[in-house]
Amino acid sequence: MGVRTSTGLDFVAELRLRQWARQNYVPPEYRRDSDWHPVVLDEMRRKDADTRDQQNRRISACVIDIVPLMPEPGGIRIDLPHASIPAPKSLRTRIEEPQASIPYYL
């Protein structure tokens, strides 16, 4: 990709260069601006910016998710055990059985 063209690129050629730049990304400290096509350099700079944005979003998401707890006035807080749950209240009535006899068949 060290060859530069003085003519303008068509849309498909530019997309291919941008795709190549994304797939063959080189960090800024290892690329020299004079050796790369301007479209490749532009796409690599865009990828640098995308990477910075993603890192900033991760950092800001971590900061937002952290909620500091207020310290207790006495230091350590020890919760008392929960009160026992009362048994459900139900109506207790005696069901009387009928006195009639059940017929028995042979």
N, C-alpha and C. Protein backbone atom coordinates (compact mmCIF):
# COMPACT_ATOMS: atom_id res chain seq x y z
N MET A 1 0.82 -1.19 0.00
CA MET A 1 0.00 0.00 0.00
C MET A 1 0.86 1.25 0.00
N GLY A 2 2.13 1.15 -0.33
CA GLY A 2 2.99 2.31 -0.35
C GLY A 2 2.82 3.16 -1.60
N VAL A 3 2.01 2.70 -2.55
CA VAL A 3 1.85 3.43 -3.80
C VAL A 3 0.73 4.45 -3.65
N ARG A 4 1.00 5.68 -4.04
CA ARG A 4 -0.02 6.73 -4.02
C ARG A 4 -0.46 7.04 -5.43
N THR A 5 -1.75 7.26 -5.58
CA THR A 5 -2.26 7.64 -6.90
C THR A 5 -2.63 9.10 -6.87
N SER A 6 -2.34 9.79 -7.95
CA SER A 6 -2.67 11.22 -8.01
C SER A 6 -4.11 11.42 -8.44
N THR A 7 -4.73 10.42 -9.05
CA THR A 7 -6.11 10.54 -9.46
C THR A 7 -7.03 10.19 -8.31
N GLY A 8 -8.27 10.64 -8.41
CA GLY A 8 -9.23 10.33 -7.36
C GLY A 8 -9.63 8.86 -7.39
N LEU A 9 -10.05 8.35 -6.27
CA LEU A 9 -10.46 6.95 -6.16
C LEU A 9 -11.97 6.85 -6.37
N ASP A 10 -12.37 5.76 -6.98
CA ASP A 10 -13.81 5.53 -7.03
C ASP A 10 -14.26 4.99 -5.67
N PHE A 11 -15.57 4.92 -5.49
CA PHE A 11 -16.14 4.57 -4.20
C PHE A 11 -15.72 3.17 -3.75
N VAL A 12 -15.74 2.21 -4.65
CA VAL A 12 -15.41 0.82 -4.30
C VAL A 12 -13.94 0.71 -3.90
N ALA A 13 -13.06 1.39 -4.61
CA ALA A 13 -11.63 1.34 -4.27
C ALA A 13 -11.37 1.96 -2.91
N GLU A 14 -12.09 3.05 -2.61
CA GLU A 14 -11.91 3.67 -1.29
C GLU A 14 -12.40 2.74 -0.19
N LEU A 15 -13.54 2.08 -0.40
CA LEU A 15 -14.04 1.13 0.61
C LEU A 15 -13.07 -0.02 0.82
N ARG A 16 -12.46 -0.49 -0.27
CA ARG A 16 -11.48 -1.57 -0.13
C ARG A 16 -10.26 -1.11 0.65
N LEU A 17 -9.81 0.11 0.41
CA LEU A 17 -8.67 0.64 1.17
C LEU A 17 -9.02 0.79 2.64
N ARG A 18 -10.22 1.27 2.92
CA ARG A 18 -10.64 1.43 4.32
C ARG A 18 -10.76 0.07 5.01
N GLN A 19 -11.30 -0.91 4.31
CA GLN A 19 -11.38 -2.25 4.88
C GLN A 19 -9.99 -2.82 5.14
N TRP A 20 -9.09 -2.63 4.19
CA TRP A 20 -7.73 -3.10 4.37
C TRP A 20 -7.08 -2.42 5.57
N ALA A 21 -7.34 -1.12 5.73
CA ALA A 21 -6.75 -0.38 6.85
C ALA A 21 -7.28 -0.90 8.18
N ARG A 22 -8.57 -1.25 8.25
CA ARG A 22 -9.14 -1.79 9.49
C ARG A 22 -8.56 -3.17 9.80
N GLN A 23 -8.43 -3.99 8.77
CA GLN A 23 -7.94 -5.36 8.99
C GLN A 23 -6.44 -5.40 9.29
N ASN A 24 -5.69 -4.46 8.72
CA ASN A 24 -4.23 -4.44 8.89
C ASN A 24 -3.81 -3.22 9.72
N TYR A 25 -4.56 -2.96 10.75
CA TYR A 25 -4.31 -1.78 11.59
C TYR A 25 -2.91 -1.83 12.20
N VAL A 26 -2.27 -0.67 12.20
CA VAL A 26 -0.94 -0.51 12.80
C VAL A 26 -1.03 0.65 13.79
N PRO A 27 -0.57 0.48 15.03
CA PRO A 27 -0.62 1.57 16.00
C PRO A 27 0.13 2.81 15.48
N PRO A 28 -0.24 4.01 15.95
CA PRO A 28 0.35 5.25 15.44
C PRO A 28 1.86 5.32 15.55
N GLU A 29 2.43 4.76 16.59
CA GLU A 29 3.88 4.86 16.78
C GLU A 29 4.66 4.01 15.78
N TYR A 30 4.00 3.06 15.10
CA TYR A 30 4.70 2.20 14.15
C TYR A 30 4.44 2.56 12.69
N ARG A 31 3.63 3.56 12.43
CA ARG A 31 3.39 3.94 11.04
C ARG A 31 3.94 5.33 10.79
N ARG A 32 4.49 5.49 9.61
CA ARG A 32 5.00 6.81 9.21
C ARG A 32 4.03 7.35 8.18
N ASP A 33 3.65 8.60 8.34
CA ASP A 33 2.63 9.18 7.47
C ASP A 33 3.04 9.22 6.00
N SER A 34 4.31 9.28 5.67
CA SER A 34 4.73 9.42 4.27
C SER A 34 4.60 8.11 3.49
N ASP A 35 4.49 6.96 4.16
CA ASP A 35 4.49 5.68 3.47
C ASP A 35 3.09 5.15 3.17
N TRP A 36 2.04 5.76 3.68
CA TRP A 36 0.69 5.21 3.57
C TRP A 36 -0.16 6.09 2.66
N HIS A 37 -1.15 5.47 2.05
CA HIS A 37 -2.14 6.19 1.25
C HIS A 37 -2.98 7.06 2.19
N PRO A 38 -3.39 8.26 1.76
CA PRO A 38 -4.17 9.14 2.64
C PRO A 38 -5.46 8.50 3.15
N VAL A 39 -6.12 7.69 2.33
CA VAL A 39 -7.35 7.03 2.77
C VAL A 39 -7.04 6.02 3.88
N VAL A 40 -5.93 5.30 3.74
CA VAL A 40 -5.53 4.33 4.76
C VAL A 40 -5.20 5.06 6.06
N LEU A 41 -4.48 6.16 5.97
CA LEU A 41 -4.15 6.94 7.18
C LEU A 41 -5.41 7.47 7.85
N ASP A 42 -6.33 7.97 7.03
CA ASP A 42 -7.59 8.50 7.58
C ASP A 42 -8.35 7.41 8.31
N GLU A 43 -8.44 6.23 7.73
CA GLU A 43 -9.18 5.14 8.37
C GLU A 43 -8.48 4.67 9.64
N MET A 44 -7.16 4.63 9.64
CA MET A 44 -6.44 4.23 10.86
C MET A 44 -6.62 5.27 11.96
N ARG A 45 -6.66 6.55 11.59
CA ARG A 45 -6.94 7.59 12.59
C ARG A 45 -8.35 7.45 13.14
N ARG A 46 -9.28 7.10 12.26
CA ARG A 46 -10.66 6.88 12.73
C ARG A 46 -10.72 5.70 13.71
N LYS A 47 -9.97 4.65 13.40
CA LYS A 47 -9.93 3.51 14.31
C LYS A 47 -9.29 3.91 15.64
N ASP A 48 -8.25 4.77 15.60
CA ASP A 48 -7.66 5.28 16.85
C ASP A 48 -8.72 6.00 17.67
N ALA A 49 -9.50 6.85 17.01
CA ALA A 49 -10.55 7.60 17.71
C ALA A 49 -11.62 6.67 18.26
N ASP A 50 -12.00 5.64 17.48
CA ASP A 50 -13.00 4.68 17.95
C ASP A 50 -12.51 3.95 19.20
N THR A 51 -11.25 3.56 19.18
CA THR A 51 -10.67 2.86 20.33
C THR A 51 -10.66 3.76 21.57
N ARG A 52 -10.27 5.03 21.38
CA ARG A 52 -10.29 5.97 22.51
C ARG A 52 -11.70 6.16 23.05
N ASP A 53 -12.68 6.29 22.15
CA ASP A 53 -14.06 6.47 22.58
C ASP A 53 -14.56 5.26 23.36
N GLN A 54 -14.23 4.06 22.90
CA GLN A 54 -14.66 2.85 23.60
C GLN A 54 -14.02 2.77 24.98
N GLN A 55 -12.75 3.13 25.09
CA GLN A 55 -12.09 3.11 26.40
C GLN A 55 -12.71 4.15 27.32
N ASN A 56 -13.01 5.33 26.78
CA ASN A 56 -13.63 6.36 27.61
C ASN A 56 -15.02 5.94 28.06
N ARG A 57 -15.78 5.27 27.19
CA ARG A 57 -17.11 4.80 27.58
C ARG A 57 -17.01 3.75 28.67
N ARG A 58 -16.02 2.85 28.56
CA ARG A 58 -15.86 1.83 29.59
C ARG A 58 -15.50 2.47 30.93
N ILE A 59 -14.61 3.45 30.89
CA ILE A 59 -14.20 4.11 32.13
C ILE A 59 -15.36 4.87 32.73
N SER A 60 -16.10 5.62 31.90
CA SER A 60 -17.22 6.38 32.43
C SER A 60 -18.33 5.47 32.93
N ALA A 61 -18.53 4.32 32.27
CA ALA A 61 -19.54 3.37 32.73
C ALA A 61 -19.16 2.81 34.09
N CYS A 62 -17.88 2.55 34.31
CA CYS A 62 -17.44 2.04 35.60
C CYS A 62 -17.64 3.08 36.69
N VAL A 63 -17.37 4.32 36.38
CA VAL A 63 -17.52 5.39 37.37
C VAL A 63 -18.97 5.60 37.72
N ILE A 64 -19.85 5.52 36.75
CA ILE A 64 -21.27 5.74 36.99
C ILE A 64 -21.85 4.59 37.81
N ASP A 65 -21.41 3.36 37.56
CA ASP A 65 -21.98 2.20 38.23
C ASP A 65 -21.57 2.10 39.70
N ILE A 66 -20.51 2.77 40.10
CA ILE A 66 -20.04 2.68 41.49
C ILE A 66 -20.82 3.67 42.33
N VAL A 67 -21.51 3.15 43.34
CA VAL A 67 -22.27 3.98 44.24
C VAL A 67 -21.66 3.83 45.63
N PRO A 68 -21.08 4.90 46.16
CA PRO A 68 -20.47 4.77 47.48
C PRO A 68 -21.54 4.65 48.56
N LEU A 69 -21.26 3.81 49.57
CA LEU A 69 -22.17 3.65 50.69
C LEU A 69 -21.76 4.58 51.81
N MET A 70 -22.75 5.10 52.48
CA MET A 70 -22.48 5.99 53.60
C MET A 70 -21.98 5.16 54.78
N PRO A 71 -20.93 5.59 55.43
CA PRO A 71 -20.43 4.84 56.59
C PRO A 71 -21.40 4.99 57.77
N GLU A 72 -21.45 3.97 58.57
CA GLU A 72 -22.30 4.01 59.77
C GLU A 72 -21.63 4.89 60.83
N PRO A 73 -22.44 5.58 61.64
CA PRO A 73 -21.85 6.46 62.65
C PRO A 73 -20.96 5.72 63.65
N GLY A 74 -21.30 4.48 64.00
CA GLY A 74 -20.52 3.75 64.98
C GLY A 74 -19.42 2.90 64.36
N GLY A 75 -19.31 2.92 63.07
CA GLY A 75 -18.29 2.11 62.43
C GLY A 75 -18.91 0.92 61.73
N ILE A 76 -18.84 -0.24 62.36
CA ILE A 76 -19.35 -1.47 61.75
C ILE A 76 -20.83 -1.62 62.07
N ARG A 77 -21.59 -2.00 61.05
CA ARG A 77 -23.02 -2.20 61.24
C ARG A 77 -23.30 -3.70 61.33
N ILE A 78 -23.93 -4.11 62.41
CA ILE A 78 -24.31 -5.51 62.58
C ILE A 78 -25.82 -5.55 62.65
N ASP A 79 -26.42 -6.22 61.68
CA ASP A 79 -27.88 -6.32 61.65
C ASP A 79 -28.35 -7.38 62.62
N LEU A 80 -29.48 -7.11 63.28
CA LEU A 80 -30.11 -8.09 64.15
C LEU A 80 -30.82 -9.11 63.27
N PRO A 81 -30.98 -10.34 63.78
CA PRO A 81 -31.70 -11.33 62.98
C PRO A 81 -33.14 -10.87 62.76
N HIS A 82 -33.68 -11.28 61.66
CA HIS A 82 -35.06 -10.90 61.35
C HIS A 82 -36.02 -11.54 62.33
N ALA A 83 -37.10 -10.85 62.61
CA ALA A 83 -38.12 -11.40 63.50
C ALA A 83 -38.76 -12.61 62.82
N SER A 84 -39.16 -13.55 63.64
CA SER A 84 -39.76 -14.75 63.05
C SER A 84 -41.07 -14.37 62.37
N ILE A 85 -41.35 -15.08 61.32
CA ILE A 85 -42.58 -14.81 60.57
C ILE A 85 -43.72 -15.51 61.28
N PRO A 86 -44.79 -14.77 61.58
CA PRO A 86 -45.91 -15.41 62.28
C PRO A 86 -46.60 -16.43 61.38
N ALA A 87 -47.13 -17.46 62.01
CA ALA A 87 -47.84 -18.49 61.27
C ALA A 87 -49.11 -17.90 60.66
N PRO A 88 -49.54 -18.42 59.53
CA PRO A 88 -50.76 -17.88 58.93
C PRO A 88 -51.97 -18.17 59.83
N LYS A 89 -52.84 -17.23 59.86
CA LYS A 89 -54.05 -17.39 60.67
C LYS A 89 -55.11 -18.08 59.81
N SER A 90 -55.70 -19.10 60.37
CA SER A 90 -56.75 -19.81 59.65
C SER A 90 -57.90 -20.09 60.60
N LEU A 91 -59.03 -20.23 60.03
CA LEU A 91 -60.23 -20.52 60.81
C LEU A 91 -60.26 -22.02 61.07
N ARG A 92 -60.27 -22.38 62.32
CA ARG A 92 -60.26 -23.79 62.67
C ARG A 92 -61.65 -24.16 63.19
N THR A 93 -62.33 -24.91 62.39
CA THR A 93 -63.66 -25.40 62.80
C THR A 93 -63.67 -26.91 62.65
N ARG A 94 -64.46 -27.51 63.43
CA ARG A 94 -64.59 -28.96 63.36
C ARG A 94 -65.70 -29.30 62.40
N ILE A 95 -65.39 -30.18 61.47
CA ILE A 95 -66.40 -30.61 60.51
C ILE A 95 -67.04 -31.87 61.06
N GLU A 96 -68.33 -31.80 61.22
CA GLU A 96 -69.03 -32.97 61.78
C GLU A 96 -69.40 -33.91 60.65
N GLU A 97 -69.19 -35.20 60.91
CA GLU A 97 -69.51 -36.21 59.92
C GLU A 97 -70.99 -36.57 60.04
N PRO A 98 -71.60 -36.86 58.91
CA PRO A 98 -73.02 -37.24 58.97
C PRO A 98 -73.21 -38.59 59.70
N GLN A 99 -74.31 -38.74 60.36
CA GLN A 99 -74.59 -39.94 61.14
C GLN A 99 -75.18 -41.06 60.30
N ALA A 100 -75.54 -40.76 59.12
CA ALA A 100 -76.16 -41.81 58.30
C ALA A 100 -75.11 -42.85 57.93
N SER A 101 -75.55 -44.10 57.86
CA SER A 101 -74.62 -45.18 57.55
C SER A 101 -74.47 -45.32 56.04
N ILE A 102 -73.33 -45.81 55.66
CA ILE A 102 -73.05 -46.00 54.26
C ILE A 102 -73.50 -47.42 53.90
N PRO A 103 -74.27 -47.57 52.83
CA PRO A 103 -74.74 -48.93 52.51
C PRO A 103 -73.59 -49.84 52.09
N TYR A 104 -73.72 -51.10 52.45
CA TYR A 104 -72.68 -52.08 52.17
C TYR A 104 -73.25 -53.12 51.23
N TYR A 105 -72.63 -53.34 50.08
CA TYR A 105 -73.14 -54.27 49.09
C TYR A 105 -72.24 -55.50 49.02
N LEU A 106 -72.89 -56.65 48.81
CA LEU A 106 -72.16 -57.91 48.66
C LEU A 106 -71.98 -58.27 47.22
